[in-house]
Amino acid sequence: MLPLSKYTVLDLTIARAGPTAVRLLADWGANVIKIEPPPGQGRTPAKVTGARHEPDEQNMHRNKRGLTIDLKNPDGNKLFMHLVKKADVVAENFRADVKHRLGVDYESVRKANPKIIYASISGFGQSGPYRDRPGVDQIVQGTCGLMSVTGHQGQGPVRAGIAISDTSAGMFLGQGILLALLHRERTGEGQWVHTSLLESMLCKIDFQGARYTMNRDVAKQQGNDHPVYVPMGTFESKDGLVNVAANSAKMFRNLCKATGAEHILGNPAFADDGGRRKHRAELNEKVNEVTRTFTTAELVEKLNAVGVPCGPIYDIGEAFEDPQARHLRMTKVAHHRELGDVELIRSPINLSLFPHGGEFHHAAPDPGQNRREVLRDFGYDAREIDRLIAAGAV
């Protein structure tokens, strides 16, 4: 029994942001039913995250069971509302006009189950001048200001290398669902929980954002340098590049002593934080002159030993094969009926009472894969299931 085992979630989401939120619930025990249109109908997630048997979809939808429902079919809509009566959460990322046209908007769902937690993700919010705009990660990365601070000075705006607004919105929605469930435990009240890619990223901009809201200071691109601390960034080594963070007077002193660079430490231009910031370019070049005389491995060992954070710059494969990552066992196996054992990325949350096992309990389902067992769980007998199938409702 995992922490969320008593909750049932109806998952109408596609793409990345919505499934990220639901994956949090599924990984911690929620009974998640992934509901999709029957083949040939509705939106296809393959345009965004690949085909169902490819890595992205498998990683997004593990620990769920699959059911197809034609929400445009009267029997299908009636079936969905029957499921709602016994569910705890409905998650969706439809456009506003679509969910109202299908009759699965919050007000419609709440009539069937007043205690439901209805969870929504959109690109730009549920109201306002941009509410009907399609929102995808790169568009929001530009709109929120992230691209303006990513990359090197003078380079022009650069997209972050991961779908940061999708995954951020999913994480925040997952947190919102848990907050709403806690509130319901105390009061019995359901509610509508929603966020958007734009809201999530304006929050993620964090201290650069607060610099603007408080002081109207507009942050600029800093490349691999930290916006404030010096020296802190990427430096050259004898065999490549290395990240170093000497972001305090003590760390700066230890950096210089550990690398035999006391001459830098003695330069009055670098005597305090203000001087180091003012003379950033000069200081970075002098640090580079020193770090070039060591290999990355030597710097990692020397600097961490004296309390100066230092690390290599890996590609994705190297990151997963690093000894610490392997020790943390960040992957688990899911048994797929066609693909065999597939290795997927586990939840990064660790609970002492619920240690991570070695396997996911479900691989990502094919559309409608579990329709009979799911409908039986909701009280339908074989005859009624056959009728729904014949009517095209499922």
Protein backbone atom coordinates (compact mmCIF):
# COMPACT_ATOMS: atom_id res chain seq x y z
CA MET A 1 0.00 0.00 0.00
CA LEU A 2 1.70 3.15 -1.25
CA PRO A 3 0.73 6.63 0.04
CA LEU A 4 -1.81 7.28 -2.75
CA SER A 5 -3.20 3.75 -3.10
CA LYS A 6 -6.72 4.66 -2.00
CA TYR A 7 -7.17 7.26 -4.76
CA THR A 8 -8.51 6.70 -8.28
CA VAL A 9 -7.47 9.06 -11.06
CA LEU A 10 -9.10 9.45 -14.48
CA ASP A 11 -6.35 10.65 -16.79
CA LEU A 12 -7.52 12.54 -19.91
CA THR A 13 -4.16 14.23 -20.49
CA ILE A 14 -1.87 13.99 -23.50
CA ALA A 15 1.52 15.38 -24.55
CA ARG A 16 3.90 16.05 -21.62
CA ALA A 17 2.72 18.55 -19.01
CA GLY A 18 -0.47 16.76 -17.95
CA PRO A 19 1.07 13.27 -17.98
CA THR A 20 3.94 14.55 -15.83
CA ALA A 21 1.44 15.51 -13.12
CA VAL A 22 -0.43 12.21 -13.31
CA ARG A 23 2.80 10.21 -13.33
CA LEU A 24 3.57 11.58 -9.86
CA LEU A 25 0.28 10.10 -8.62
CA ALA A 26 0.72 6.82 -10.47
CA ASP A 27 4.23 6.26 -9.17
CA TRP A 28 3.02 6.60 -5.58
CA GLY A 29 0.20 4.12 -5.85
CA ALA A 30 -2.83 5.90 -7.29
CA ASN A 31 -5.14 3.77 -9.42
CA VAL A 32 -4.70 5.68 -12.68
CA ILE A 33 -6.97 4.96 -15.64
CA LYS A 34 -5.57 6.48 -18.84
CA ILE A 35 -8.60 7.39 -20.95
CA GLU A 36 -8.08 7.97 -24.68
CA PRO A 37 -10.31 8.29 -27.74
CA PRO A 38 -10.86 5.06 -29.69
CA PRO A 39 -8.34 4.58 -32.54
CA GLY A 40 -8.88 7.05 -35.34
CA GLN A 41 -10.65 9.60 -33.17
CA GLY A 42 -9.54 12.70 -31.31
CA ARG A 43 -6.07 14.09 -30.76
CA THR A 44 -3.00 11.94 -31.21
CA PRO A 45 -0.15 12.19 -28.71
CA ALA A 46 2.25 10.66 -31.23
CA LYS A 47 2.89 14.13 -32.69
CA VAL A 48 4.46 15.29 -29.42
CA THR A 49 5.97 12.40 -27.51
CA GLY A 50 6.25 9.65 -30.12
CA ALA A 51 4.44 6.36 -30.56
CA ARG A 52 3.24 4.45 -27.50
CA HIS A 53 6.01 1.85 -27.70
CA GLU A 54 8.77 4.47 -27.89
CA PRO A 55 10.78 5.59 -24.81
CA ASP A 56 9.05 8.93 -24.17
CA GLU A 57 5.53 7.48 -24.06
CA GLN A 58 6.62 4.47 -22.03
CA ASN A 59 8.29 6.72 -19.47
CA MET A 60 5.29 9.08 -19.34
CA HIS A 61 2.55 6.51 -18.88
CA ARG A 62 4.02 3.69 -16.78
CA ASN A 63 1.95 2.48 -13.82
CA LYS A 64 -1.35 3.24 -15.59
CA ARG A 65 -4.08 1.08 -17.08
CA GLY A 66 -5.66 1.90 -20.43
CA LEU A 67 -9.30 2.49 -21.40
CA THR A 68 -10.68 4.05 -24.58
CA ILE A 69 -13.93 6.01 -24.39
CA ASP A 70 -15.69 7.90 -27.16
CA LEU A 71 -16.76 10.97 -25.19
CA LYS A 72 -18.84 12.17 -28.16
CA ASN A 73 -20.94 9.01 -27.94
CA PRO A 74 -23.88 9.41 -25.49
CA ASP A 75 -23.13 5.99 -24.01
CA GLY A 76 -19.47 6.91 -23.75
CA ASN A 77 -20.20 10.19 -21.99
CA LYS A 78 -22.58 8.43 -19.62
CA LEU A 79 -19.92 5.82 -18.91
CA PHE A 80 -17.34 8.51 -18.15
CA MET A 81 -19.66 10.21 -15.68
CA HIS A 82 -20.28 6.84 -13.99
CA LEU A 83 -16.51 6.51 -13.54
CA VAL A 84 -16.35 10.06 -12.20
CA LYS A 85 -18.76 9.15 -9.40
CA LYS A 86 -16.25 6.63 -8.06
CA ALA A 87 -13.08 8.63 -8.84
CA ASP A 88 -11.09 11.09 -6.75
CA VAL A 89 -9.28 13.05 -9.46
CA VAL A 90 -9.92 13.96 -13.09
CA ALA A 91 -6.88 15.39 -14.90
CA GLU A 92 -7.15 17.09 -18.30
CA ASN A 93 -5.40 19.52 -20.62
CA PHE A 94 -8.09 20.18 -23.23
CA ARG A 95 -8.66 23.62 -24.66
CA ALA A 96 -11.57 25.31 -22.89
CA ASP A 97 -13.94 25.00 -25.86
CA VAL A 98 -13.12 21.31 -26.33
CA LYS A 99 -13.84 20.23 -22.77
CA HIS A 100 -17.14 22.13 -22.77
CA ARG A 101 -18.10 20.65 -26.14
CA LEU A 102 -17.36 17.14 -24.83
CA GLY A 103 -19.22 17.82 -21.61
CA VAL A 104 -16.25 17.01 -19.36
CA ASP A 105 -15.61 20.52 -18.02
CA TYR A 106 -15.38 21.14 -14.28
CA GLU A 107 -19.00 22.16 -13.77
CA SER A 108 -20.29 19.09 -15.62
CA VAL A 109 -17.98 16.75 -13.74
CA ARG A 110 -18.76 18.35 -10.38
CA LYS A 111 -22.47 17.65 -10.89
CA ALA A 112 -21.65 13.95 -11.06
CA ASN A 113 -19.29 14.06 -8.07
CA PRO A 114 -19.15 17.21 -5.90
CA LYS A 115 -16.06 15.87 -4.11
CA ILE A 116 -14.02 15.47 -7.28
CA ILE A 117 -10.60 17.10 -7.61
CA TYR A 118 -10.59 18.43 -11.17
CA ALA A 119 -7.04 19.20 -12.35
CA SER A 120 -6.23 21.23 -15.47
CA ILE A 121 -3.14 22.38 -17.34
CA SER A 122 -3.20 24.92 -20.15
CA GLY A 123 -0.62 26.92 -22.03
CA PHE A 124 -1.52 30.39 -20.79
CA GLY A 125 -4.20 30.04 -18.12
CA GLN A 126 -7.92 29.37 -17.86
CA SER A 127 -8.82 33.04 -18.37
CA GLY A 128 -7.36 36.20 -19.88
CA PRO A 129 -6.51 37.39 -23.39
CA TYR A 130 -4.34 34.35 -24.21
CA ARG A 131 -6.61 31.64 -22.77
CA ASP A 132 -7.42 30.20 -26.21
CA ARG A 133 -3.88 30.23 -27.57
CA PRO A 134 -2.21 26.86 -28.08
CA GLY A 135 0.72 26.67 -25.68
CA VAL A 136 3.77 24.48 -26.20
CA ASP A 137 7.10 24.47 -24.41
CA GLN A 138 9.21 26.53 -26.79
CA ILE A 139 6.56 29.22 -27.24
CA VAL A 140 6.26 29.60 -23.46
CA GLN A 141 10.05 29.56 -22.99
CA GLY A 142 10.07 32.69 -25.14
CA THR A 143 7.01 34.31 -23.58
CA CYS A 144 8.18 33.86 -19.98
CA GLY A 145 11.61 35.41 -20.58
CA LEU A 146 13.64 32.22 -20.09
CA MET A 147 15.16 32.29 -23.56
CA SER A 148 16.38 35.86 -22.99
CA VAL A 149 18.64 34.74 -20.13
CA THR A 150 19.76 31.43 -21.66
CA GLY A 151 22.95 31.35 -23.73
CA HIS A 152 25.98 33.59 -24.05
CA GLN A 153 25.97 37.37 -24.15
CA GLY A 154 25.23 38.64 -27.63
CA GLN A 155 24.24 35.18 -28.86
CA GLY A 156 20.55 35.93 -29.05
CA PRO A 157 17.80 33.97 -27.27
CA VAL A 158 18.41 30.26 -26.74
CA ARG A 159 15.95 27.50 -25.89
CA ALA A 160 16.68 25.46 -22.78
CA GLY A 161 17.63 21.92 -23.75
CA ILE A 162 14.74 20.21 -21.97
CA ALA A 163 10.96 20.75 -22.01
CA ILE A 164 11.23 22.82 -18.86
CA SER A 165 7.82 24.53 -18.99
CA ASP A 166 5.97 21.26 -19.62
CA THR A 167 7.65 19.41 -16.80
CA SER A 168 7.45 22.38 -14.43
CA ALA A 169 3.72 22.81 -15.01
CA GLY A 170 3.23 19.08 -14.47
CA MET A 171 5.15 19.14 -11.21
CA PHE A 172 3.17 22.14 -9.93
CA LEU A 173 -0.15 20.58 -10.92
CA GLY A 174 0.83 17.37 -9.13
CA GLN A 175 1.56 19.40 -6.00
CA GLY A 176 -1.77 21.21 -6.38
CA ILE A 177 -3.64 17.92 -6.61
CA LEU A 178 -2.02 16.72 -3.39
CA LEU A 179 -2.90 19.99 -1.65
CA ALA A 180 -6.52 19.64 -2.80
CA LEU A 181 -6.67 16.04 -1.57
CA LEU A 182 -5.35 17.14 1.83
CA HIS A 183 -8.01 19.86 1.96
CA ARG A 184 -10.70 17.34 1.05
CA GLU A 185 -9.54 14.98 3.78
CA ARG A 186 -10.18 17.77 6.27
CA THR A 187 -13.37 19.31 4.84
CA GLY A 188 -14.90 16.88 2.34
CA GLU A 189 -14.79 19.57 -0.35
CA GLY A 190 -13.69 18.99 -3.92
CA GLN A 191 -12.30 21.79 -6.07
CA TRP A 192 -10.76 22.83 -9.38
CA VAL A 193 -6.96 22.85 -9.40
CA HIS A 194 -5.27 24.44 -12.37
CA THR A 195 -2.00 25.90 -13.55
CA SER A 196 -0.42 26.76 -16.88
CA LEU A 197 2.92 26.57 -18.59
CA LEU A 198 3.21 30.37 -18.38
CA GLU A 199 2.38 30.60 -14.66
CA SER A 200 4.81 27.81 -13.88
CA MET A 201 7.65 29.43 -15.77
CA LEU A 202 7.10 32.92 -14.39
CA CYS A 203 7.49 31.21 -11.01
CA LYS A 204 10.55 29.25 -12.17
CA ILE A 205 12.30 32.45 -13.29
CA ASP A 206 12.54 32.92 -9.51
CA PHE A 207 15.33 35.28 -8.40
CA GLN A 208 15.74 36.92 -11.82
CA GLY A 209 11.99 37.50 -11.68
CA ALA A 210 12.15 38.95 -8.17
CA ARG A 211 14.98 41.24 -9.27
CA TYR A 212 12.56 42.65 -11.80
CA THR A 213 9.44 42.82 -9.63
CA MET A 214 11.29 44.54 -6.78
CA ASN A 215 13.92 46.64 -8.58
CA ARG A 216 12.89 46.59 -12.26
CA ASP A 217 16.27 44.99 -12.99
CA VAL A 218 16.05 43.03 -16.25
CA ALA A 219 18.47 40.09 -16.20
CA LYS A 220 20.61 39.40 -19.26
CA GLN A 221 22.39 36.38 -20.69
CA GLN A 222 25.38 35.21 -18.66
CA GLY A 223 26.36 32.11 -20.60
CA ASN A 224 27.86 29.54 -18.24
CA ASP A 225 28.66 32.14 -15.60
CA HIS A 226 26.44 32.57 -12.56
CA PRO A 227 24.43 35.81 -12.74
CA VAL A 228 25.79 37.01 -9.38
CA TYR A 229 28.60 34.89 -7.94
CA VAL A 230 32.21 35.02 -9.20
CA PRO A 231 34.07 32.82 -9.95
CA MET A 232 31.27 30.37 -10.64
CA GLY A 233 30.83 28.77 -14.02
CA THR A 234 32.47 26.58 -16.64
CA PHE A 235 36.26 26.55 -16.97
CA GLU A 236 38.77 24.78 -19.18
CA SER A 237 40.71 21.76 -17.99
CA LYS A 238 43.61 19.88 -19.52
CA ASP A 239 41.22 17.39 -21.11
CA GLY A 240 37.96 19.29 -21.52
CA LEU A 241 35.70 21.45 -19.37
CA VAL A 242 34.75 21.56 -15.70
CA ASN A 243 32.19 23.36 -13.54
CA VAL A 244 33.52 25.24 -10.52
CA ALA A 245 31.51 27.14 -7.90
CA ALA A 246 33.73 29.24 -5.63
CA ASN A 247 30.87 31.47 -4.58
CA SER A 248 32.12 32.68 -1.20
CA ALA A 249 35.28 34.28 0.12
CA LYS A 250 36.26 31.03 1.82
CA MET A 251 35.65 28.94 -1.28
CA PHE A 252 37.60 31.41 -3.44
CA ARG A 253 40.51 31.23 -1.00
CA ASN A 254 40.39 27.42 -0.97
CA LEU A 255 40.21 27.29 -4.77
CA CYS A 256 43.37 29.35 -5.09
CA LYS A 257 45.29 27.44 -2.42
CA ALA A 258 44.29 23.99 -3.69
CA THR A 259 45.45 24.81 -7.22
CA GLY A 260 48.62 26.65 -6.23
CA ALA A 261 47.21 29.99 -7.42
CA GLU A 262 47.99 32.18 -4.43
CA HIS A 263 49.00 34.92 -6.87
CA ILE A 264 45.31 35.30 -7.78
CA LEU A 265 44.36 35.43 -4.14
CA GLY A 266 46.84 38.25 -3.56
CA ASN A 267 45.44 40.47 -6.33
CA PRO A 268 43.68 43.43 -4.62
CA ALA A 269 41.16 43.62 -7.49
CA PHE A 270 39.74 40.29 -6.30
CA ALA A 271 39.83 41.01 -2.57
CA ASP A 272 36.05 41.09 -2.04
CA ASP A 273 32.80 40.04 -3.72
CA GLY A 274 32.29 43.43 -5.32
CA GLY A 275 35.74 43.41 -6.85
CA ARG A 276 35.37 39.89 -8.15
CA ARG A 277 32.06 40.81 -9.81
CA LYS A 278 33.48 44.02 -11.28
CA HIS A 279 36.50 42.21 -12.71
CA ARG A 280 34.65 39.01 -13.68
CA ALA A 281 36.22 38.60 -17.13
CA GLU A 282 39.77 39.14 -15.87
CA LEU A 283 39.28 36.79 -12.92
CA ASN A 284 37.71 34.07 -15.05
CA GLU A 285 40.66 34.17 -17.45
CA LYS A 286 43.17 33.87 -14.59
CA VAL A 287 41.22 30.94 -13.13
CA ASN A 288 41.18 29.37 -16.60
CA GLU A 289 44.97 29.67 -16.79
CA VAL A 290 45.17 27.60 -13.64
CA THR A 291 42.47 25.02 -14.36
CA ARG A 292 44.01 24.28 -17.80
CA THR A 293 46.98 22.72 -16.01
CA PHE A 294 44.83 19.99 -14.40
CA THR A 295 42.59 17.29 -15.79
CA THR A 296 38.89 17.43 -15.00
CA ALA A 297 39.24 14.42 -12.69
CA GLU A 298 42.10 16.08 -10.80
CA LEU A 299 40.11 19.27 -10.30
CA VAL A 300 37.03 17.37 -9.14
CA GLU A 301 39.10 15.55 -6.53
CA LYS A 302 41.18 18.53 -5.36
CA LEU A 303 38.42 21.11 -5.10
CA ASN A 304 35.67 19.01 -3.56
CA ALA A 305 38.17 17.90 -0.91
CA VAL A 306 38.50 21.53 0.27
CA GLY A 307 34.79 22.34 0.09
CA VAL A 308 34.69 23.95 -3.36
CA PRO A 309 31.88 22.42 -5.46
CA CYS A 310 33.32 21.09 -8.69
CA GLY A 311 32.00 18.62 -11.24
CA PRO A 312 32.36 17.24 -14.74
CA ILE A 313 30.12 18.13 -17.67
CA TYR A 314 28.54 14.92 -18.91
CA ASP A 315 26.45 13.94 -21.86
CA ILE A 316 23.19 12.12 -21.05
CA GLY A 317 24.74 8.66 -21.20
CA GLU A 318 27.65 9.60 -18.97
CA ALA A 319 25.23 11.15 -16.47
CA PHE A 320 23.29 7.90 -16.04
CA GLU A 321 26.47 5.80 -15.89
CA ASP A 322 28.13 7.96 -13.24
CA PRO A 323 28.84 5.97 -10.04
CA GLN A 324 26.61 8.18 -7.91
CA ALA A 325 23.69 7.93 -10.32
CA ARG A 326 24.10 4.16 -10.43
CA HIS A 327 24.26 4.02 -6.64
CA LEU A 328 20.98 5.97 -6.43
CA ARG A 329 19.37 3.45 -8.82
CA MET A 330 17.46 6.08 -10.77
CA THR A 331 15.95 3.49 -13.10
CA LYS A 332 13.45 0.69 -12.66
CA VAL A 333 12.19 -2.02 -14.95
CA ALA A 334 8.69 -2.24 -16.41
CA HIS A 335 7.50 -5.51 -17.96
CA HIS A 336 5.90 -4.84 -21.34
CA ARG A 337 3.94 -7.54 -23.14
CA GLU A 338 5.63 -6.80 -26.49
CA LEU A 339 8.79 -4.86 -25.68
CA GLY A 340 9.90 -7.11 -22.84
CA ASP A 341 11.66 -5.46 -19.91
CA VAL A 342 12.10 -1.72 -20.46
CA GLU A 343 14.24 0.44 -18.19
CA LEU A 344 12.56 3.70 -17.18
CA ILE A 345 13.36 6.63 -14.86
CA ARG A 346 11.97 6.37 -11.33
CA SER A 347 10.42 9.09 -9.20
CA PRO A 348 13.14 11.22 -7.56
CA ILE A 349 11.15 11.38 -4.30
CA ASN A 350 12.41 9.11 -1.53
CA LEU A 351 10.22 8.12 1.44
CA SER A 352 11.79 6.13 4.26
CA LEU A 353 8.64 4.04 4.80
CA PHE A 354 8.26 3.27 1.08
CA PRO A 355 11.63 2.35 -0.44
CA HIS A 356 11.76 2.08 -4.19
CA GLY A 357 11.37 -1.45 -5.50
CA GLY A 358 13.12 -2.70 -8.59
CA GLU A 359 10.06 -2.72 -10.87
CA PHE A 360 7.12 -0.62 -12.00
CA HIS A 361 3.83 -2.48 -11.61
CA HIS A 362 2.62 -1.57 -15.12
CA ALA A 363 4.28 -0.61 -18.37
CA ALA A 364 2.52 2.09 -20.37
CA PRO A 365 -0.72 0.56 -21.68
CA ASP A 366 -1.73 0.39 -25.31
CA PRO A 367 -4.95 2.34 -25.95
CA GLY A 368 -7.83 0.48 -24.32
CA GLN A 369 -5.62 -2.41 -23.24
CA ASN A 370 -7.31 -2.90 -19.87
CA ARG A 371 -10.89 -2.01 -20.77
CA ARG A 372 -12.56 -5.15 -19.45
CA GLU A 373 -10.75 -5.31 -16.13
CA VAL A 374 -11.19 -1.56 -15.54
CA LEU A 375 -14.91 -1.66 -16.28
CA ARG A 376 -15.33 -4.68 -14.03
CA ASP A 377 -13.63 -2.70 -11.26
CA PHE A 378 -16.29 -0.01 -11.71
CA GLY A 379 -19.17 -2.49 -11.44
CA TYR A 380 -19.95 -3.40 -15.05
CA ASP A 381 -20.71 -7.03 -15.82
CA ALA A 382 -19.64 -8.87 -18.97
CA ARG A 383 -22.97 -8.33 -20.73
CA GLU A 384 -22.92 -4.57 -20.18
CA ILE A 385 -19.27 -4.36 -21.24
CA ASP A 386 -20.10 -6.19 -24.47
CA ARG A 387 -22.97 -3.75 -25.06
CA LEU A 388 -20.69 -0.72 -24.59
CA ILE A 389 -18.16 -2.20 -27.00
CA ALA A 390 -20.86 -2.94 -29.59
CA ALA A 391 -22.22 0.61 -29.25
CA GLY A 392 -18.75 2.08 -29.93
CA ALA A 393 -18.67 3.74 -26.51
CA VAL A 394 -15.39 1.99 -25.61
